[in-house]
């Protein structure tokens, strides 16, 4: 899927950074909105600019569907963010 999708910075897109706007404009069928919750901010922002995502993933739903525990996810993220000891 990496060759079929795009990663863009939402604040850059919202503020009109040319590179991010161009990516969406030229590849609307490759945009997947990754939403943190049911508010669907990314989708709303895209729609407000006249675009629609090809797919939407709502992370909070995925966590629930996979029966993941927030505490385990939180601990994993903390481990990932620790500076390396090199």
N, C-alpha and C. Protein backbone atom coordinates (compact mmCIF):
# COMPACT_ATOMS: atom_id res chain seq x y z
N UNK A 1 0.79 -1.21 0.00
CA UNK A 1 0.00 0.00 0.00
C UNK A 1 0.84 1.28 0.00
N UNK A 2 2.10 1.28 0.45
CA UNK A 2 2.87 2.53 0.43
C UNK A 2 2.98 3.17 -0.95
N UNK A 3 3.01 2.37 -2.00
CA UNK A 3 3.09 2.94 -3.34
C UNK A 3 1.74 3.43 -3.85
N UNK A 4 0.70 3.17 -3.09
CA UNK A 4 -0.64 3.54 -3.51
C UNK A 4 -1.24 4.66 -2.68
N UNK A 5 -0.53 5.09 -1.64
CA UNK A 5 -1.07 6.12 -0.74
C UNK A 5 -0.08 7.26 -0.59
N UNK A 6 -0.54 8.32 0.06
CA UNK A 6 0.28 9.50 0.30
C UNK A 6 0.25 9.85 1.78
N UNK A 7 1.32 10.44 2.26
CA UNK A 7 1.38 10.93 3.62
C UNK A 7 1.56 12.44 3.54
N UNK A 8 0.65 13.16 4.14
CA UNK A 8 0.79 14.61 4.12
C UNK A 8 0.57 15.16 5.51
N UNK A 9 1.02 16.37 5.69
CA UNK A 9 0.91 17.05 6.98
C UNK A 9 -0.38 17.86 6.99
N UNK A 10 -1.30 17.52 7.88
CA UNK A 10 -2.58 18.21 7.94
C UNK A 10 -2.43 19.72 8.15
N UNK A 11 -1.62 20.17 9.13
CA UNK A 11 -1.47 21.62 9.27
C UNK A 11 -0.91 22.29 8.01
N UNK A 12 -0.01 21.61 7.32
CA UNK A 12 0.55 22.17 6.08
C UNK A 12 -0.54 22.26 5.01
N UNK A 13 -1.36 21.23 4.92
CA UNK A 13 -2.44 21.24 3.94
C UNK A 13 -3.42 22.38 4.24
N UNK A 14 -3.79 22.51 5.51
CA UNK A 14 -4.75 23.54 5.92
C UNK A 14 -4.23 24.95 5.65
N UNK A 15 -2.94 25.13 5.87
CA UNK A 15 -2.37 26.47 5.68
C UNK A 15 -1.93 26.72 4.23
N UNK A 16 -2.14 25.73 3.36
CA UNK A 16 -1.90 25.94 1.94
C UNK A 16 -0.48 25.72 1.47
N UNK A 17 0.30 24.92 2.20
CA UNK A 17 1.66 24.61 1.74
C UNK A 17 1.53 23.90 0.39
N UNK A 18 2.16 24.48 -0.61
CA UNK A 18 1.98 24.04 -1.99
C UNK A 18 2.20 22.54 -2.20
N UNK A 19 3.25 22.00 -1.62
CA UNK A 19 3.57 20.57 -1.80
C UNK A 19 2.43 19.67 -1.33
N UNK A 20 1.86 19.98 -0.17
CA UNK A 20 0.80 19.15 0.39
C UNK A 20 -0.51 19.32 -0.38
N UNK A 21 -0.84 20.54 -0.73
CA UNK A 21 -2.06 20.79 -1.50
C UNK A 21 -1.95 20.12 -2.87
N UNK A 22 -0.79 20.21 -3.49
CA UNK A 22 -0.57 19.61 -4.80
C UNK A 22 -0.73 18.09 -4.75
N UNK A 23 -0.20 17.46 -3.69
CA UNK A 23 -0.33 16.00 -3.55
C UNK A 23 -1.80 15.58 -3.56
N UNK A 24 -2.62 16.29 -2.80
CA UNK A 24 -4.04 15.93 -2.72
C UNK A 24 -4.74 16.24 -4.05
N UNK A 25 -4.44 17.39 -4.60
CA UNK A 25 -5.07 17.81 -5.85
C UNK A 25 -4.77 16.84 -6.99
N UNK A 26 -3.53 16.37 -7.07
CA UNK A 26 -3.12 15.50 -8.17
C UNK A 26 -3.40 14.02 -7.92
N UNK A 27 -3.65 13.65 -6.67
CA UNK A 27 -3.84 12.24 -6.32
C UNK A 27 -5.00 12.02 -5.36
N UNK A 28 -6.18 12.53 -5.62
CA UNK A 28 -7.26 12.40 -4.64
C UNK A 28 -7.65 10.97 -4.33
N UNK A 29 -7.44 10.07 -5.27
CA UNK A 29 -7.82 8.67 -5.05
C UNK A 29 -6.79 7.93 -4.21
N UNK A 30 -5.71 8.60 -3.80
CA UNK A 30 -4.68 7.97 -2.98
C UNK A 30 -4.69 8.48 -1.54
N UNK A 31 -5.68 9.28 -1.19
CA UNK A 31 -5.73 9.89 0.14
C UNK A 31 -6.56 9.01 1.08
N UNK A 32 -5.94 8.61 2.18
CA UNK A 32 -6.64 7.87 3.23
C UNK A 32 -6.66 8.76 4.46
N UNK A 33 -7.83 9.07 4.95
CA UNK A 33 -7.96 9.90 6.15
C UNK A 33 -7.83 9.00 7.37
N UNK A 34 -6.83 9.28 8.20
CA UNK A 34 -6.67 8.53 9.44
C UNK A 34 -7.18 9.42 10.56
N UNK A 35 -8.31 9.03 11.09
CA UNK A 35 -9.01 9.82 12.10
C UNK A 35 -8.74 9.26 13.48
N UNK A 36 -8.52 10.12 14.45
CA UNK A 36 -8.30 9.68 15.81
C UNK A 36 -9.60 9.32 16.51
N UNK A 37 -10.69 9.97 16.10
CA UNK A 37 -11.97 9.75 16.77
C UNK A 37 -13.13 9.99 15.80
N UNK A 38 -14.34 9.93 16.34
CA UNK A 38 -15.54 10.09 15.51
C UNK A 38 -15.76 11.50 15.00
N UNK A 39 -15.00 12.45 15.45
CA UNK A 39 -15.17 13.82 14.96
C UNK A 39 -14.75 13.96 13.50
N UNK A 40 -13.88 13.07 13.05
CA UNK A 40 -13.44 13.00 11.65
C UNK A 40 -12.93 14.35 11.13
N UNK A 41 -12.03 14.95 11.87
CA UNK A 41 -11.49 16.26 11.50
C UNK A 41 -10.82 16.27 10.13
N UNK A 42 -10.01 15.24 9.85
CA UNK A 42 -9.32 15.19 8.56
C UNK A 42 -10.32 15.16 7.42
N UNK A 43 -11.32 14.32 7.51
CA UNK A 43 -12.34 14.23 6.46
C UNK A 43 -13.07 15.55 6.27
N UNK A 44 -13.40 16.19 7.37
CA UNK A 44 -14.10 17.48 7.29
C UNK A 44 -13.23 18.55 6.64
N UNK A 45 -11.96 18.54 6.97
CA UNK A 45 -11.04 19.52 6.38
C UNK A 45 -10.90 19.26 4.89
N UNK A 46 -10.71 18.01 4.51
CA UNK A 46 -10.62 17.68 3.08
C UNK A 46 -11.89 18.11 2.35
N UNK A 47 -13.04 17.77 2.89
CA UNK A 47 -14.30 18.13 2.25
C UNK A 47 -14.48 19.63 2.16
N UNK A 48 -14.02 20.36 3.18
CA UNK A 48 -14.09 21.81 3.16
C UNK A 48 -13.24 22.43 2.06
N UNK A 49 -12.24 21.68 1.61
CA UNK A 49 -11.37 22.15 0.53
C UNK A 49 -11.80 21.56 -0.82
N UNK A 50 -12.91 20.81 -0.81
CA UNK A 50 -13.43 20.27 -2.05
C UNK A 50 -12.91 18.88 -2.42
N UNK A 51 -12.33 18.16 -1.46
CA UNK A 51 -11.78 16.83 -1.71
C UNK A 51 -12.47 15.81 -0.82
N UNK A 52 -12.32 14.54 -1.18
CA UNK A 52 -12.87 13.46 -0.37
C UNK A 52 -11.81 12.36 -0.34
N UNK A 53 -11.62 11.78 0.83
CA UNK A 53 -10.63 10.71 0.94
C UNK A 53 -11.14 9.45 0.27
N UNK A 54 -10.20 8.65 -0.24
CA UNK A 54 -10.56 7.38 -0.87
C UNK A 54 -11.04 6.40 0.19
N UNK A 55 -10.45 6.47 1.37
CA UNK A 55 -10.81 5.60 2.49
C UNK A 55 -10.67 6.40 3.78
N UNK A 56 -11.32 5.92 4.82
CA UNK A 56 -11.21 6.54 6.14
C UNK A 56 -10.98 5.43 7.17
N UNK A 57 -10.00 5.67 8.03
CA UNK A 57 -9.73 4.75 9.13
C UNK A 57 -9.93 5.54 10.42
N UNK A 58 -10.77 5.04 11.29
CA UNK A 58 -11.00 5.70 12.58
C UNK A 58 -10.27 4.88 13.63
N UNK A 59 -9.17 5.42 14.13
CA UNK A 59 -8.28 4.69 15.02
C UNK A 59 -9.00 4.18 16.27
N UNK A 60 -9.84 5.00 16.85
CA UNK A 60 -10.54 4.57 18.06
C UNK A 60 -11.41 3.34 17.79
N UNK A 61 -12.00 3.23 16.61
CA UNK A 61 -12.80 2.05 16.26
C UNK A 61 -11.90 0.84 16.08
N UNK A 62 -10.76 1.05 15.42
CA UNK A 62 -9.83 -0.06 15.18
C UNK A 62 -9.31 -0.62 16.49
N UNK A 63 -8.98 0.26 17.43
CA UNK A 63 -8.51 -0.18 18.75
C UNK A 63 -9.58 -1.04 19.42
N UNK A 64 -10.82 -0.60 19.35
CA UNK A 64 -11.91 -1.35 19.97
C UNK A 64 -12.15 -2.68 19.25
N UNK A 65 -12.17 -2.65 17.91
CA UNK A 65 -12.40 -3.86 17.13
C UNK A 65 -11.32 -4.91 17.38
N UNK A 66 -10.10 -4.47 17.58
CA UNK A 66 -8.99 -5.40 17.80
C UNK A 66 -8.81 -5.73 19.27
N UNK A 67 -9.68 -5.18 20.11
CA UNK A 67 -9.64 -5.40 21.55
C UNK A 67 -8.26 -5.04 22.13
N UNK A 68 -7.72 -3.94 21.63
CA UNK A 68 -6.44 -3.45 22.15
C UNK A 68 -6.69 -2.65 23.41
N UNK A 69 -5.78 -2.70 24.31
CA UNK A 69 -5.90 -1.99 25.57
C UNK A 69 -5.08 -0.70 25.49
N UNK A 70 -5.73 0.41 25.81
CA UNK A 70 -5.09 1.72 25.72
C UNK A 70 -3.80 1.77 26.53
N UNK A 71 -3.79 1.19 27.71
CA UNK A 71 -2.59 1.22 28.54
C UNK A 71 -1.41 0.55 27.84
N UNK A 72 -1.66 -0.56 27.16
CA UNK A 72 -0.58 -1.24 26.43
C UNK A 72 -0.09 -0.39 25.27
N UNK A 73 -1.01 0.25 24.57
CA UNK A 73 -0.63 1.10 23.45
C UNK A 73 0.18 2.29 23.96
N UNK A 74 -0.28 2.87 25.05
CA UNK A 74 0.41 4.01 25.65
C UNK A 74 1.83 3.64 26.06
N UNK A 75 1.99 2.50 26.68
CA UNK A 75 3.32 2.06 27.11
C UNK A 75 4.23 1.80 25.91
N UNK A 76 3.67 1.22 24.85
CA UNK A 76 4.45 0.98 23.64
C UNK A 76 4.91 2.30 23.04
N UNK A 77 4.02 3.29 22.99
CA UNK A 77 4.40 4.60 22.44
C UNK A 77 5.48 5.26 23.28
N UNK A 78 5.37 5.16 24.59
CA UNK A 78 6.39 5.74 25.48
C UNK A 78 7.73 5.10 25.20
N UNK A 79 7.75 3.78 25.03
CA UNK A 79 9.00 3.08 24.72
C UNK A 79 9.59 3.56 23.40
N UNK A 80 8.74 3.76 22.41
CA UNK A 80 9.20 4.19 21.10
C UNK A 80 9.79 5.60 21.12
N UNK A 81 9.29 6.41 22.02
CA UNK A 81 9.72 7.81 22.07
C UNK A 81 10.94 8.04 22.96
N UNK A 82 11.38 7.02 23.68
CA UNK A 82 12.57 7.16 24.54
C UNK A 82 13.79 7.38 23.67
N UNK A 83 14.66 8.30 24.08
CA UNK A 83 15.90 8.50 23.32
C UNK A 83 16.76 7.24 23.34
N UNK A 84 17.42 6.97 22.23
CA UNK A 84 18.30 5.80 22.19
C UNK A 84 19.53 6.05 23.05
N UNK A 85 20.13 4.98 23.55
CA UNK A 85 21.27 5.11 24.45
C UNK A 85 22.59 4.92 23.71
N UNK A 86 22.64 5.33 22.47
CA UNK A 86 23.87 5.18 21.67
C UNK A 86 24.85 6.29 22.00
